[in-house]
Amino acid sequence: MKCRVCGQPASISLRAYNTALCADDFVFFLERRVSDTIKKYHLIDKDDTPVVAVSGGKDSLSVWHILNRQGHKADGVYVDLGIGEYSRESLEKIKKTAETLQCKVFVFHIRNTFGRGIDEIAKATRRVPCSACGMIKRYVMNKVCIDKNYNVLITGHNLDDEAAALMGNLLYWKEEYLWKKSPLLEGHEGHLSRKVKPLFLCSEREMAAYALISGIDYIYEECPFSLHAKSLTYKRILNSLEENSPGTKLQFIKGYLKMIKGTEEAPKNITYCSSCGYPCYGDKCNMCRLLDRFHIGNKIDFDVYG
């Protein structure tokens, strides 16, 4: 199998595009796809100040790497969930990447604030760990943007993530979440940062190959609390479809984007937390309620590396 561009031995077959590429041409192909996605959906402007939500995994560290290579100087933000060795190793990978990129990373340690890890917080609030984790991460990452003057929050959601989430929302007709499947989510000035997903059209397999070829040192293990997530079931179903019909996931997402073009609506009846100003549907946001529950003030502190 030869590279379609240069004729040298191919390193990866891309069945969704009916092509194969060597390592160098694949890196160029994927970085151009990210660049094209940013331009087409107006994700990042030249005057923006972006920050990347990093987890230590291949997607977030790769998009951090790509953005800085393309001239979008971006710092990082990480939420340490307090999951033993998994969290410690994740932070080490992130600090190493920050040093390589010569960028800062803001770190929020859950145990430093709550005196317990995400599993204990979930039990105390009668949430599943993924729900508690998502709520805290969204709040903390937005807090960094507002307090440190970043106007764009970059996430590493890839094609597989978005296709699985879209399938779940469609299966249960969660119409209120469908508008959130866009690569760009507008913010609320002074309250909520703009969120963008430059890897929206890049598959999980492509991102794993990119990280390997580019020498990006990431944590291979999945979060221990995500092992039974419904999204993994949806990914297995989509992967089976993809195996029999290459390009299915890409066409699923592209078709969705065409369908919703110009029809996206921001949530209605949004109010702002009386304590911190974060958007919510009641008097107080969930994060402030959580802080109140544990009798903690609403000051969120970060360690800064780099």
C-alpha atoms as a PDB file:
ATOM      1  CA  MET A   1       0.000   0.000   0.000  1.00  0.00           C
ATOM      2  CA  LYS A   2       1.485   3.320  -1.121  1.00  0.00           C
ATOM      3  CA  CYS A   3       0.881   6.909  -0.091  1.00  0.00           C
ATOM      4  CA  ARG A   4      -1.537   8.534  -2.490  1.00  0.00           C
ATOM      5  CA  VAL A   5       0.419  11.807  -2.384  1.00  0.00           C
ATOM      6  CA  CYS A   6       4.099  10.867  -2.630  1.00  0.00           C
ATOM      7  CA  GLY A   7       4.107   7.171  -3.557  1.00  0.00           C
ATOM      8  CA  GLN A   8       6.157   6.134  -0.536  1.00  0.00           C
ATOM      9  CA  PRO A   9       4.970   3.259   1.711  1.00  0.00           C
ATOM     10  CA  ALA A  10       1.747   4.286   3.463  1.00  0.00           C
ATOM     11  CA  SER A  11       1.526   4.443   7.256  1.00  0.00           C
ATOM     12  CA  ILE A  12      -2.255   4.654   7.573  1.00  0.00           C
ATOM     13  CA  SER A  13      -5.271   3.720   5.492  1.00  0.00           C
ATOM     14  CA  LEU A  14      -8.180   6.184   5.606  1.00  0.00           C
ATOM     15  CA  ARG A  15     -11.120   4.163   4.323  1.00  0.00           C
ATOM     16  CA  ALA A  16     -13.589   7.009   4.888  1.00  0.00           C
ATOM     17  CA  TYR A  17     -11.651   8.975   2.241  1.00  0.00           C
ATOM     18  CA  ASN A  18     -10.687   5.963   0.120  1.00  0.00           C
ATOM     19  CA  THR A  19      -7.009   6.823   0.452  1.00  0.00           C
ATOM     20  CA  ALA A  20      -3.759   5.919   2.234  1.00  0.00           C
ATOM     21  CA  LEU A  21      -0.986   8.239   3.387  1.00  0.00           C
ATOM     22  CA  CYS A  22       2.577   8.136   4.690  1.00  0.00           C
ATOM     23  CA  ALA A  23       3.307   9.615   8.121  1.00  0.00           C
ATOM     24  CA  ASP A  24       4.309  13.075   6.880  1.00  0.00           C
ATOM     25  CA  ASP A  25       1.410  13.441   4.465  1.00  0.00           C
ATOM     26  CA  PHE A  26      -1.039  12.180   7.094  1.00  0.00           C
ATOM     27  CA  VAL A  27       0.129  14.823   9.584  1.00  0.00           C
ATOM     28  CA  PHE A  28      -0.301  17.473   6.883  1.00  0.00           C
ATOM     29  CA  PHE A  29      -3.755  16.072   5.988  1.00  0.00           C
ATOM     30  CA  LEU A  30      -5.029  16.099   9.574  1.00  0.00           C
ATOM     31  CA  GLU A  31      -3.622  19.498  10.484  1.00  0.00           C
ATOM     32  CA  ARG A  32      -5.163  20.960   7.331  1.00  0.00           C
ATOM     33  CA  ARG A  33      -8.524  19.417   8.238  1.00  0.00           C
ATOM     34  CA  VAL A  34      -8.341  21.089  11.647  1.00  0.00           C
ATOM     35  CA  SER A  35      -7.345  24.394  10.022  1.00  0.00           C
ATOM     36  CA  ASP A  36     -10.186  24.109   7.484  1.00  0.00           C
ATOM     37  CA  THR A  37     -12.700  23.358  10.257  1.00  0.00           C
ATOM     38  CA  ILE A  38     -11.554  26.433  12.197  1.00  0.00           C
ATOM     39  CA  LYS A  39     -11.912  28.638   9.117  1.00  0.00           C
ATOM     40  CA  LYS A  40     -15.196  27.195   7.818  1.00  0.00           C
ATOM     41  CA  TYR A  41     -17.026  27.455  11.135  1.00  0.00           C
ATOM     42  CA  HIS A  42     -15.264  30.646  12.307  1.00  0.00           C
ATOM     43  CA  LEU A  43     -14.032  28.964  15.479  1.00  0.00           C
ATOM     44  CA  ILE A  44     -10.987  31.119  16.248  1.00  0.00           C
ATOM     45  CA  ASP A  45     -10.221  34.639  15.016  1.00  0.00           C
ATOM     46  CA  LYS A  46      -6.763  36.180  14.941  1.00  0.00           C
ATOM     47  CA  ASP A  47      -7.529  38.460  17.895  1.00  0.00           C
ATOM     48  CA  ASP A  48      -8.967  35.690  20.097  1.00  0.00           C
ATOM     49  CA  THR A  49      -7.263  34.475  23.281  1.00  0.00           C
ATOM     50  CA  PRO A  50      -7.946  30.710  23.426  1.00  0.00           C
ATOM     51  CA  VAL A  51      -7.415  28.261  26.268  1.00  0.00           C
ATOM     52  CA  VAL A  52      -7.556  24.476  25.816  1.00  0.00           C
ATOM     53  CA  ALA A  53      -9.459  22.154  28.161  1.00  0.00           C
ATOM     54  CA  VAL A  54      -6.859  19.413  28.636  1.00  0.00           C
ATOM     55  CA  SER A  55      -7.323  15.982  30.207  1.00  0.00           C
ATOM     56  CA  GLY A  56      -4.008  14.287  29.467  1.00  0.00           C
ATOM     57  CA  GLY A  57      -5.575  12.193  26.688  1.00  0.00           C
ATOM     58  CA  LYS A  58      -4.654  12.069  23.008  1.00  0.00           C
ATOM     59  CA  ASP A  59      -7.352  14.439  21.744  1.00  0.00           C
ATOM     60  CA  SER A  60      -6.887  17.384  24.078  1.00  0.00           C
ATOM     61  CA  LEU A  61      -3.074  17.241  24.010  1.00  0.00           C
ATOM     62  CA  SER A  62      -3.092  16.869  20.217  1.00  0.00           C
ATOM     63  CA  VAL A  63      -5.402  19.818  19.610  1.00  0.00           C
ATOM     64  CA  TRP A  64      -3.262  21.890  22.005  1.00  0.00           C
ATOM     65  CA  HIS A  65      -0.208  20.875  19.993  1.00  0.00           C
ATOM     66  CA  ILE A  66      -1.878  21.596  16.618  1.00  0.00           C
ATOM     67  CA  LEU A  67      -3.241  25.009  17.598  1.00  0.00           C
ATOM     68  CA  ASN A  68       0.154  26.208  18.776  1.00  0.00           C
ATOM     69  CA  ARG A  69       1.798  24.871  15.595  1.00  0.00           C
ATOM     70  CA  GLN A  70      -0.728  26.847  13.560  1.00  0.00           C
ATOM     71  CA  GLY A  71      -0.073  30.106  15.379  1.00  0.00           C
ATOM     72  CA  HIS A  72      -3.021  30.065  17.783  1.00  0.00           C
ATOM     73  CA  LYS A  73      -1.043  30.551  20.987  1.00  0.00           C
ATOM     74  CA  ALA A  74      -3.116  28.763  23.628  1.00  0.00           C
ATOM     75  CA  ASP A  75      -2.691  28.002  27.307  1.00  0.00           C
ATOM     76  CA  GLY A  76      -4.392  25.065  29.055  1.00  0.00           C
ATOM     77  CA  VAL A  77      -6.763  24.343  31.923  1.00  0.00           C
ATOM     78  CA  TYR A  78      -7.024  21.014  33.759  1.00  0.00           C
ATOM     79  CA  VAL A  79      -9.387  19.766  36.451  1.00  0.00           C
ATOM     80  CA  ASP A  80      -7.663  17.237  38.720  1.00  0.00           C
ATOM     81  CA  LEU A  81     -10.477  14.857  39.726  1.00  0.00           C
ATOM     82  CA  GLY A  82      -8.476  13.249  42.521  1.00  0.00           C
ATOM     83  CA  ILE A  83      -8.602   9.728  41.018  1.00  0.00           C
ATOM     84  CA  GLY A  84      -5.366   8.379  42.463  1.00  0.00           C
ATOM     85  CA  GLU A  85      -2.632   7.374  40.007  1.00  0.00           C
ATOM     86  CA  TYR A  86      -4.833   8.131  36.975  1.00  0.00           C
ATOM     87  CA  SER A  87      -5.083  11.831  37.874  1.00  0.00           C
ATOM     88  CA  ARG A  88      -1.421  12.072  38.898  1.00  0.00           C
ATOM     89  CA  GLU A  89      -0.230  10.577  35.604  1.00  0.00           C
ATOM     90  CA  SER A  90      -2.612  12.782  33.606  1.00  0.00           C
ATOM     91  CA  LEU A  91      -1.226  15.910  35.258  1.00  0.00           C
ATOM     92  CA  GLU A  92       2.356  14.852  34.564  1.00  0.00           C
ATOM     93  CA  LYS A  93       1.572  14.413  30.851  1.00  0.00           C
ATOM     94  CA  ILE A  94      -0.097  17.833  30.779  1.00  0.00           C
ATOM     95  CA  LYS A  95       2.774  19.599  32.552  1.00  0.00           C
ATOM     96  CA  LYS A  96       5.233  17.982  30.139  1.00  0.00           C
ATOM     97  CA  THR A  97       3.219  19.208  27.127  1.00  0.00           C
ATOM     98  CA  ALA A  98       2.913  22.713  28.618  1.00  0.00           C
ATOM     99  CA  GLU A  99       6.694  22.819  29.003  1.00  0.00           C
ATOM    100  CA  THR A 100       7.227  21.639  25.415  1.00  0.00           C
ATOM    101  CA  LEU A 101       4.793  24.235  24.040  1.00  0.00           C
ATOM    102  CA  GLN A 102       6.060  26.929  26.435  1.00  0.00           C
ATOM    103  CA  CYS A 103       2.524  27.560  27.608  1.00  0.00           C
ATOM    104  CA  LYS A 104       0.826  27.919  30.980  1.00  0.00           C
ATOM    105  CA  VAL A 105      -1.673  25.462  32.393  1.00  0.00           C
ATOM    106  CA  PHE A 106      -4.162  26.313  35.149  1.00  0.00           C
ATOM    107  CA  VAL A 107      -4.929  23.379  37.442  1.00  0.00           C
ATOM    108  CA  PHE A 108      -7.926  23.059  39.765  1.00  0.00           C
ATOM    109  CA  HIS A 109      -7.483  20.310  42.352  1.00  0.00           C
ATOM    110  CA  ILE A 110     -10.862  19.002  43.505  1.00  0.00           C
ATOM    111  CA  ARG A 111      -9.407  17.523  46.702  1.00  0.00           C
ATOM    112  CA  ASN A 112      -7.845  20.852  47.677  1.00  0.00           C
ATOM    113  CA  THR A 113     -11.268  22.516  47.572  1.00  0.00           C
ATOM    114  CA  PHE A 114     -13.652  19.783  48.688  1.00  0.00           C
ATOM    115  CA  GLY A 115     -11.344  17.535  50.700  1.00  0.00           C
ATOM    116  CA  ARG A 116     -12.516  14.545  48.666  1.00  0.00           C
ATOM    117  CA  GLY A 117     -12.337  13.087  45.153  1.00  0.00           C
ATOM    118  CA  ILE A 118     -14.978  13.050  42.443  1.00  0.00           C
ATOM    119  CA  ASP A 119     -16.296   9.609  43.492  1.00  0.00           C
ATOM    120  CA  GLU A 120     -16.998  10.827  47.039  1.00  0.00           C
ATOM    121  CA  ILE A 121     -18.601  14.041  45.760  1.00  0.00           C
ATOM    122  CA  ALA A 122     -20.828  12.006  43.441  1.00  0.00           C
ATOM    123  CA  LYS A 123     -22.018   9.785  46.310  1.00  0.00           C
ATOM    124  CA  ALA A 124     -22.711  12.755  48.574  1.00  0.00           C
ATOM    125  CA  THR A 125     -24.779  14.488  45.883  1.00  0.00           C
ATOM    126  CA  ARG A 126     -26.467  11.314  44.586  1.00  0.00           C
ATOM    127  CA  ARG A 127     -25.053  11.822  41.107  1.00  0.00           C
ATOM    128  CA  VAL A 128     -23.138   9.375  38.966  1.00  0.00           C
ATOM    129  CA  PRO A 129     -19.435  10.354  38.802  1.00  0.00           C
ATOM    130  CA  CYS A 130     -19.633  11.449  35.141  1.00  0.00           C
ATOM    131  CA  SER A 131     -22.471  13.846  35.934  1.00  0.00           C
ATOM    132  CA  ALA A 132     -20.650  15.413  38.890  1.00  0.00           C
ATOM    133  CA  CYS A 133     -17.434  15.577  36.862  1.00  0.00           C
ATOM    134  CA  GLY A 134     -19.101  17.302  33.901  1.00  0.00           C
ATOM    135  CA  MET A 135     -20.785  19.890  36.096  1.00  0.00           C
ATOM    136  CA  ILE A 136     -17.565  20.805  37.913  1.00  0.00           C
ATOM    137  CA  LYS A 137     -15.431  20.831  34.757  1.00  0.00           C
ATOM    138  CA  ARG A 138     -17.818  23.106  32.844  1.00  0.00           C
ATOM    139  CA  TYR A 139     -17.884  25.571  35.720  1.00  0.00           C
ATOM    140  CA  VAL A 140     -14.154  25.580  36.457  1.00  0.00           C
ATOM    141  CA  MET A 141     -13.077  25.871  32.827  1.00  0.00           C
ATOM    142  CA  ASN A 142     -15.473  28.744  32.274  1.00  0.00           C
ATOM    143  CA  LYS A 143     -14.178  30.349  35.470  1.00  0.00           C
ATOM    144  CA  VAL A 144     -10.640  30.348  34.062  1.00  0.00           C
ATOM    145  CA  CYS A 145     -11.870  32.012  30.886  1.00  0.00           C
ATOM    146  CA  ILE A 146     -13.754  34.746  32.734  1.00  0.00           C
ATOM    147  CA  ASP A 147     -11.131  35.417  35.414  1.00  0.00           C
ATOM    148  CA  LYS A 148      -8.015  35.115  33.229  1.00  0.00           C
ATOM    149  CA  ASN A 149      -9.423  36.894  30.135  1.00  0.00           C
ATOM    150  CA  TYR A 150      -9.578  34.001  27.671  1.00  0.00           C
ATOM    151  CA  ASN A 151     -12.514  34.438  25.307  1.00  0.00           C
ATOM    152  CA  VAL A 152     -12.511  30.996  23.653  1.00  0.00           C
ATOM    153  CA  LEU A 153     -12.524  27.584  25.345  1.00  0.00           C
ATOM    154  CA  ILE A 154     -11.155  24.827  23.092  1.00  0.00           C
ATOM    155  CA  THR A 155     -12.201  21.225  23.722  1.00  0.00           C
ATOM    156  CA  GLY A 156     -10.832  18.018  22.190  1.00  0.00           C
ATOM    157  CA  HIS A 157     -14.176  16.442  21.232  1.00  0.00           C
ATOM    158  CA  ASN A 158     -13.601  14.361  18.108  1.00  0.00           C
ATOM    159  CA  LEU A 159     -15.879  12.947  15.407  1.00  0.00           C
ATOM    160  CA  ASP A 160     -16.560   9.737  17.362  1.00  0.00           C
ATOM    161  CA  ASP A 161     -17.482  11.680  20.504  1.00  0.00           C
ATOM    162  CA  GLU A 162     -19.891  13.915  18.626  1.00  0.00           C
ATOM    163  CA  ALA A 163     -21.472  11.101  16.601  1.00  0.00           C
ATOM    164  CA  ALA A 164     -22.036   9.032  19.761  1.00  0.00           C
ATOM    165  CA  ALA A 165     -23.558  11.991  21.628  1.00  0.00           C
ATOM    166  CA  LEU A 166     -25.787  12.826  18.664  1.00  0.00           C
ATOM    167  CA  MET A 167     -26.973   9.207  18.437  1.00  0.00           C
ATOM    168  CA  GLY A 168     -27.831   9.196  22.144  1.00  0.00           C
ATOM    169  CA  ASN A 169     -29.762  12.463  21.874  1.00  0.00           C
ATOM    170  CA  LEU A 170     -31.686  11.204  18.850  1.00  0.00           C
ATOM    171  CA  LEU A 171     -32.507   7.823  20.394  1.00  0.00           C
ATOM    172  CA  TYR A 172     -34.091   9.532  23.394  1.00  0.00           C
ATOM    173  CA  TRP A 173     -35.256  12.634  21.458  1.00  0.00           C
ATOM    174  CA  LYS A 174     -33.425  15.021  23.751  1.00  0.00           C
ATOM    175  CA  GLU A 175     -34.278  18.012  21.618  1.00  0.00           C
ATOM    176  CA  GLU A 176     -32.941  20.500  24.159  1.00  0.00           C
ATOM    177  CA  TYR A 177     -29.405  19.162  23.602  1.00  0.00           C
ATOM    178  CA  LEU A 178     -29.407  18.887  19.818  1.00  0.00           C
ATOM    179  CA  TRP A 179     -28.349  22.498  19.250  1.00  0.00           C
ATOM    180  CA  LYS A 180     -25.227  21.784  21.316  1.00  0.00           C
ATOM    181  CA  LYS A 181     -23.839  19.416  18.670  1.00  0.00           C
ATOM    182  CA  SER A 182     -22.409  22.294  16.659  1.00  0.00           C
ATOM    183  CA  PRO A 183     -18.621  22.832  16.477  1.00  0.00           C
ATOM    184  CA  LEU A 184     -19.226  26.301  17.945  1.00  0.00           C
ATOM    185  CA  LEU A 185     -21.319  27.198  20.986  1.00  0.00           C
ATOM    186  CA  GLU A 186     -21.746  30.912  21.524  1.00  0.00           C
ATOM    187  CA  GLY A 187     -21.245  32.304  25.003  1.00  0.00           C
ATOM    188  CA  HIS A 188     -22.930  34.927  27.146  1.00  0.00           C
ATOM    189  CA  GLU A 189     -20.691  37.980  27.356  1.00  0.00           C
ATOM    190  CA  GLY A 190     -19.225  38.377  30.815  1.00  0.00           C
ATOM    191  CA  HIS A 191     -20.832  35.143  32.010  1.00  0.00           C
ATOM    192  CA  LEU A 192     -20.038  32.249  29.665  1.00  0.00           C
ATOM    193  CA  SER A 193     -17.140  31.780  27.260  1.00  0.00           C
ATOM    194  CA  ARG A 194     -17.481  30.675  23.655  1.00  0.00           C
ATOM    195  CA  LYS A 195     -16.755  26.943  23.238  1.00  0.00           C
ATOM    196  CA  VAL A 196     -15.305  25.452  20.057  1.00  0.00           C
ATOM    197  CA  LYS A 197     -14.375  21.976  18.838  1.00  0.00           C
ATOM    198  CA  PRO A 198     -11.653  22.025  16.145  1.00  0.00           C
ATOM    199  CA  LEU A 199     -11.498  18.178  16.016  1.00  0.00           C
ATOM    200  CA  PHE A 200     -15.201  17.921  15.200  1.00  0.00           C
ATOM    201  CA  LEU A 201     -14.505  16.179  11.859  1.00  0.00           C
ATOM    202  CA  CYS A 202     -11.436  14.154  12.920  1.00  0.00           C
ATOM    203  CA  SER A 203     -12.009  10.556  13.981  1.00  0.00           C
ATOM    204  CA  GLU A 204     -10.697   8.950  17.151  1.00  0.00           C
ATOM    205  CA  ARG A 205      -8.504   6.596  15.109  1.00  0.00           C
ATOM    206  CA  GLU A 206      -7.025   9.527  13.187  1.00  0.00           C
ATOM    207  CA  MET A 207      -6.260  11.381  16.422  1.00  0.00           C
ATOM    208  CA  ALA A 208      -4.566   8.313  17.921  1.00  0.00           C
ATOM    209  CA  ALA A 209      -2.409   8.005  14.789  1.00  0.00           C
ATOM    210  CA  TYR A 210      -1.577  11.709  14.851  1.00  0.00           C
ATOM    211  CA  ALA A 211      -0.502  11.581  18.517  1.00  0.00           C
ATOM    212  CA  LEU A 212       1.662   8.514  17.884  1.00  0.00           C
ATOM    213  CA  ILE A 213       3.365   9.942  14.782  1.00  0.00           C
ATOM    214  CA  SER A 214       3.879  13.355  16.418  1.00  0.00           C
ATOM    215  CA  GLY A 215       5.388  11.863  19.570  1.00  0.00           C
ATOM    216  CA  ILE A 216       2.738  13.297  21.874  1.00  0.00           C
ATOM    217  CA  ASP A 217       3.023  11.651  25.283  1.00  0.00           C
ATOM    218  CA  TYR A 218      -0.537  11.057  26.497  1.00  0.00           C
ATOM    219  CA  ILE A 219      -2.252   8.817  29.029  1.00  0.00           C
ATOM    220  CA  TYR A 220      -3.601   5.693  27.338  1.00  0.00           C
ATOM    221  CA  GLU A 221      -6.002   4.605  30.071  1.00  0.00           C
ATOM    222  CA  GLU A 222      -9.609   5.785  30.021  1.00  0.00           C
ATOM    223  CA  CYS A 223     -11.076   7.399  33.109  1.00  0.00           C
ATOM    224  CA  PRO A 224     -12.064   4.536  35.476  1.00  0.00           C
ATOM    225  CA  PHE A 225     -15.555   5.985  35.891  1.00  0.00           C
ATOM    226  CA  SER A 226     -16.268   6.117  32.138  1.00  0.00           C
ATOM    227  CA  LEU A 227     -16.024   2.365  31.522  1.00  0.00           C
ATOM    228  CA  HIS A 228     -19.792   1.797  31.640  1.00  0.00           C
ATOM    229  CA  ALA A 229     -20.862   5.045  29.982  1.00  0.00           C
ATOM    230  CA  LYS A 230     -23.644   4.758  27.384  1.00  0.00           C
ATOM    231  CA  SER A 231     -21.495   6.707  24.938  1.00  0.00           C
ATOM    232  CA  LEU A 232     -19.141   3.712  24.668  1.00  0.00           C
ATOM    233  CA  THR A 233     -22.063   1.526  23.587  1.00  0.00           C
ATOM    234  CA  TYR A 234     -23.022   4.073  20.940  1.00  0.00           C
ATOM    235  CA  LYS A 235     -19.407   4.205  19.753  1.00  0.00           C
ATOM    236  CA  ARG A 236     -19.313   0.415  19.348  1.00  0.00           C
ATOM    237  CA  ILE A 237     -22.500   0.522  17.270  1.00  0.00           C
ATOM    238  CA  LEU A 238     -21.147   3.318  15.086  1.00  0.00           C
ATOM    239  CA  ASN A 239     -17.812   1.536  14.683  1.00  0.00           C
ATOM    240  CA  SER A 240     -19.648  -1.559  13.461  1.00  0.00           C
ATOM    241  CA  LEU A 241     -21.500   0.556  10.895  1.00  0.00           C
ATOM    242  CA  GLU A 242     -18.238   2.243   9.914  1.00  0.00           C
ATOM    243  CA  GLU A 243     -16.545  -1.112   9.370  1.00  0.00           C
ATOM    244  CA  ASN A 244     -19.212  -2.164   6.887  1.00  0.00           C
ATOM    245  CA  SER A 245     -19.681   1.265   5.332  1.00  0.00           C
ATOM    246  CA  PRO A 246     -16.615   3.521   5.660  1.00  0.00           C
ATOM    247  CA  GLY A 247     -17.473   7.203   6.050  1.00  0.00           C
ATOM    248  CA  THR A 248     -20.745   6.582   7.913  1.00  0.00           C
ATOM    249  CA  LYS A 249     -19.770   8.628  10.983  1.00  0.00           C
ATOM    250  CA  LEU A 250     -18.472  11.510   8.896  1.00  0.00           C
ATOM    251  CA  GLN A 251     -21.630  11.641   6.772  1.00  0.00           C
ATOM    252  CA  PHE A 252     -23.821  11.342   9.886  1.00  0.00           C
ATOM    253  CA  ILE A 253     -22.226  14.467  11.390  1.00  0.00           C
ATOM    254  CA  LYS A 254     -21.950  16.402   8.115  1.00  0.00           C
ATOM    255  CA  GLY A 255     -25.590  15.681   7.327  1.00  0.00           C
ATOM    256  CA  TYR A 256     -26.589  16.917  10.767  1.00  0.00           C
ATOM    257  CA  LEU A 257     -24.620  20.144  10.319  1.00  0.00           C
ATOM    258  CA  LYS A 258     -26.372  20.802   7.004  1.00  0.00           C
ATOM    259  CA  MET A 259     -29.758  20.133   8.589  1.00  0.00           C
ATOM    260  CA  ILE A 260     -29.287  22.560  11.490  1.00  0.00           C
ATOM    261  CA  LYS A 261     -27.498  25.304   9.542  1.00  0.00           C
ATOM    262  CA  GLY A 262     -29.065  28.610  10.484  1.00  0.00           C
ATOM    263  CA  THR A 263     -31.523  27.012  12.909  1.00  0.00           C
ATOM    264  CA  GLU A 264     -29.402  26.749  16.067  1.00  0.00           C
ATOM    265  CA  GLU A 265     -31.002  28.388  19.049  1.00  0.00           C
ATOM    266  CA  ALA A 266     -29.470  29.301  22.377  1.00  0.00           C
ATOM    267  CA  PRO A 267     -31.296  28.079  25.477  1.00  0.00           C
ATOM    268  CA  LYS A 268     -34.166  30.253  26.603  1.00  0.00           C
ATOM    269  CA  ASN A 269     -35.111  31.487  30.060  1.00  0.00           C
ATOM    270  CA  ILE A 270     -31.483  31.596  31.188  1.00  0.00           C
ATOM    271  CA  THR A 271     -30.806  33.490  34.406  1.00  0.00           C
ATOM    272  CA  TYR A 272     -27.547  34.095  36.200  1.00  0.00           C
ATOM    273  CA  CYS A 273     -26.415  32.735  39.551  1.00  0.00           C
ATOM    274  CA  SER A 274     -26.988  35.255  42.324  1.00  0.00           C
ATOM    275  CA  SER A 275     -23.684  34.209  43.902  1.00  0.00           C
ATOM    276  CA  CYS A 276     -21.212  33.944  40.996  1.00  0.00           C
ATOM    277  CA  GLY A 277     -22.989  35.067  37.813  1.00  0.00           C
ATOM    278  CA  TYR A 278     -22.753  31.701  36.028  1.00  0.00           C
ATOM    279  CA  PRO A 279     -25.722  30.937  33.725  1.00  0.00           C
ATOM    280  CA  CYS A 280     -28.311  28.720  35.413  1.00  0.00           C
ATOM    281  CA  TYR A 281     -32.029  27.966  35.537  1.00  0.00           C
ATOM    282  CA  GLY A 282     -32.655  28.971  39.130  1.00  0.00           C
ATOM    283  CA  ASP A 283     -31.431  31.347  41.799  1.00  0.00           C
ATOM    284  CA  LYS A 284     -28.083  29.547  42.182  1.00  0.00           C
ATOM    285  CA  CYS A 285     -25.969  27.429  39.842  1.00  0.00           C
ATOM    286  CA  ASN A 286     -25.202  23.796  40.657  1.00  0.00           C
ATOM    287  CA  MET A 287     -21.582  24.550  41.509  1.00  0.00           C
ATOM    288  CA  CYS A 288     -22.493  27.167  44.111  1.00  0.00           C
ATOM    289  CA  ARG A 289     -25.074  24.769  45.566  1.00  0.00           C
ATOM    290  CA  LEU A 290     -22.338  22.140  45.796  1.00  0.00           C
ATOM    291  CA  LEU A 291     -19.980  24.563  47.545  1.00  0.00           C
ATOM    292  CA  ASP A 292     -22.777  25.505  49.950  1.00  0.00           C
ATOM    293  CA  ARG A 293     -23.471  21.838  50.661  1.00  0.00           C
ATOM    294  CA  PHE A 294     -19.912  21.339  51.882  1.00  0.00           C
ATOM    295  CA  HIS A 295     -19.824  24.755  53.607  1.00  0.00           C
ATOM    296  CA  ILE A 296     -17.121  26.065  51.291  1.00  0.00           C
ATOM    297  CA  GLY A 297     -16.843  29.664  50.115  1.00  0.00           C
ATOM    298  CA  ASN A 298     -17.206  30.335  46.404  1.00  0.00           C
ATOM    299  CA  LYS A 299     -13.541  31.179  45.813  1.00  0.00           C
ATOM    300  CA  ILE A 300     -12.024  28.887  43.164  1.00  0.00           C
ATOM    301  CA  ASP A 301      -8.216  28.668  43.314  1.00  0.00           C
ATOM    302  CA  PHE A 302      -5.846  27.402  40.627  1.00  0.00           C
ATOM    303  CA  ASP A 303      -2.259  26.239  40.609  1.00  0.00           C
ATOM    304  CA  VAL A 304      -0.372  27.580  37.587  1.00  0.00           C
ATOM    305  CA  TYR A 305       2.417  25.682  35.835  1.00  0.00           C
ATOM    306  CA  GLY A 306       4.612  26.978  33.053  1.00  0.00           C
END
